Amino acid sequence: MTTELREALARVGVVLPSLCPDPVSYEHRYLPPLVELGRCTMDVAARRLTRALDGSPPVLAEPAPPRQDTVAERLSIATAYVNARSRGERA
């Protein structure tokens, strides 16, 4: 379902990392499934997507900076939060 949309957007230089079916709405009995389009950079939202909708030529994709957020970092933050809460501190 979202593969065609992802491929079409990629052809015009737009990449939406979180493009996927919304799992909650997919299981809904009466409403049609929704697609999650969010979680893109301002550059993609403001410049690339607008150019694609206007029919302008695609902006060449620039390599994304290396991701700084790691699983170990997230685990460390979560552990610090839990420890603070167990001591009665506000996190």
Protein backbone atom coordinates (compact mmCIF):
# COMPACT_ATOMS: atom_id res chain seq x y z
CA MET A 1 0.00 0.00 0.00
CA THR A 2 2.64 2.57 0.95
CA THR A 3 5.34 1.11 -1.32
CA GLU A 4 3.93 2.82 -4.42
CA LEU A 5 3.71 6.17 -2.62
CA ARG A 6 7.25 5.80 -1.23
CA GLU A 7 8.60 5.03 -4.73
CA ALA A 8 6.71 7.92 -6.36
CA LEU A 9 7.96 10.39 -3.76
CA ALA A 10 11.52 9.08 -4.13
CA ARG A 11 11.36 9.75 -7.89
CA VAL A 12 10.83 13.44 -7.14
CA GLY A 13 13.48 13.58 -4.42
CA VAL A 14 11.23 13.28 -1.35
CA VAL A 15 11.97 10.71 1.36
CA LEU A 16 9.61 10.36 4.31
CA PRO A 17 11.35 8.02 6.78
CA SER A 18 8.22 7.11 8.72
CA LEU A 19 5.94 6.52 5.75
CA CYS A 20 3.93 3.45 6.78
CA PRO A 21 0.40 2.24 7.42
CA ASP A 22 -0.95 3.42 10.77
CA PRO A 23 -1.37 0.17 12.73
CA VAL A 24 -4.17 1.48 14.95
CA SER A 25 -6.38 2.63 12.09
CA TYR A 26 -5.50 -0.47 10.07
CA GLU A 27 -7.29 -2.57 12.68
CA HIS A 28 -10.33 -0.27 12.88
CA ARG A 29 -13.56 -1.93 11.84
CA TYR A 30 -15.39 0.98 10.22
CA LEU A 31 -12.85 3.56 9.07
CA PRO A 32 -10.41 3.11 6.20
CA PRO A 33 -6.74 2.63 7.15
CA LEU A 34 -4.64 5.78 7.50
CA VAL A 35 -1.07 6.34 6.35
CA GLU A 36 1.56 7.87 8.64
CA LEU A 37 3.34 10.59 6.66
CA GLY A 38 5.03 12.56 9.43
CA ARG A 39 8.48 12.69 10.99
CA CYS A 40 10.42 14.36 8.20
CA THR A 41 12.88 17.23 8.33
CA MET A 42 11.86 20.82 7.69
CA ASP A 43 13.85 20.69 4.45
CA VAL A 44 11.73 17.82 3.17
CA ALA A 45 8.45 19.32 4.34
CA ALA A 46 9.03 22.89 3.26
CA ARG A 47 11.23 22.63 0.21
CA ARG A 48 11.27 19.21 -1.38
CA LEU A 49 7.61 18.33 -0.95
CA THR A 50 6.50 21.78 -2.08
CA ARG A 51 8.70 21.56 -5.19
CA ALA A 52 7.32 18.11 -5.96
CA LEU A 53 3.73 19.33 -5.66
CA ASP A 54 4.49 22.35 -7.86
CA GLY A 55 5.94 20.08 -10.55
CA SER A 56 9.41 21.62 -10.18
CA PRO A 57 12.46 19.46 -10.83
CA PRO A 58 13.55 17.41 -7.82
CA VAL A 59 16.16 18.67 -5.44
CA LEU A 60 19.12 16.32 -5.40
CA ALA A 61 19.20 14.34 -2.19
CA GLU A 62 21.98 15.25 0.19
CA PRO A 63 23.42 12.51 2.38
CA ALA A 64 21.92 12.54 5.84
CA PRO A 65 24.29 13.25 8.72
CA PRO A 66 25.23 10.19 10.75
CA ARG A 67 22.62 9.38 13.33
CA GLN A 68 23.75 10.30 16.85
CA ASP A 69 20.83 8.72 18.66
CA THR A 70 21.69 5.10 19.50
CA VAL A 71 19.87 2.35 21.32
CA ALA A 72 22.47 2.49 24.10
CA GLU A 73 21.86 6.23 24.46
CA ARG A 74 18.10 5.76 24.66
CA LEU A 75 18.52 2.99 27.21
CA SER A 76 20.79 5.23 29.27
CA ILE A 77 18.20 8.03 29.24
CA ALA A 78 15.40 5.63 30.16
CA THR A 79 17.47 4.16 33.00
CA ALA A 80 18.26 7.63 34.36
CA TYR A 81 14.55 8.50 34.22
CA VAL A 82 13.52 5.33 36.07
CA ASN A 83 16.23 5.83 38.69
CA ALA A 84 15.17 9.45 39.27
CA ARG A 85 11.52 8.42 39.62
CA SER A 86 12.40 5.65 42.07
CA ARG A 87 14.18 8.26 44.23
CA GLY A 88 11.04 10.40 44.15
CA GLU A 89 12.54 13.07 41.89
CA ARG A 90 10.68 14.72 39.08
CA ALA A 91 12.20 13.88 35.73
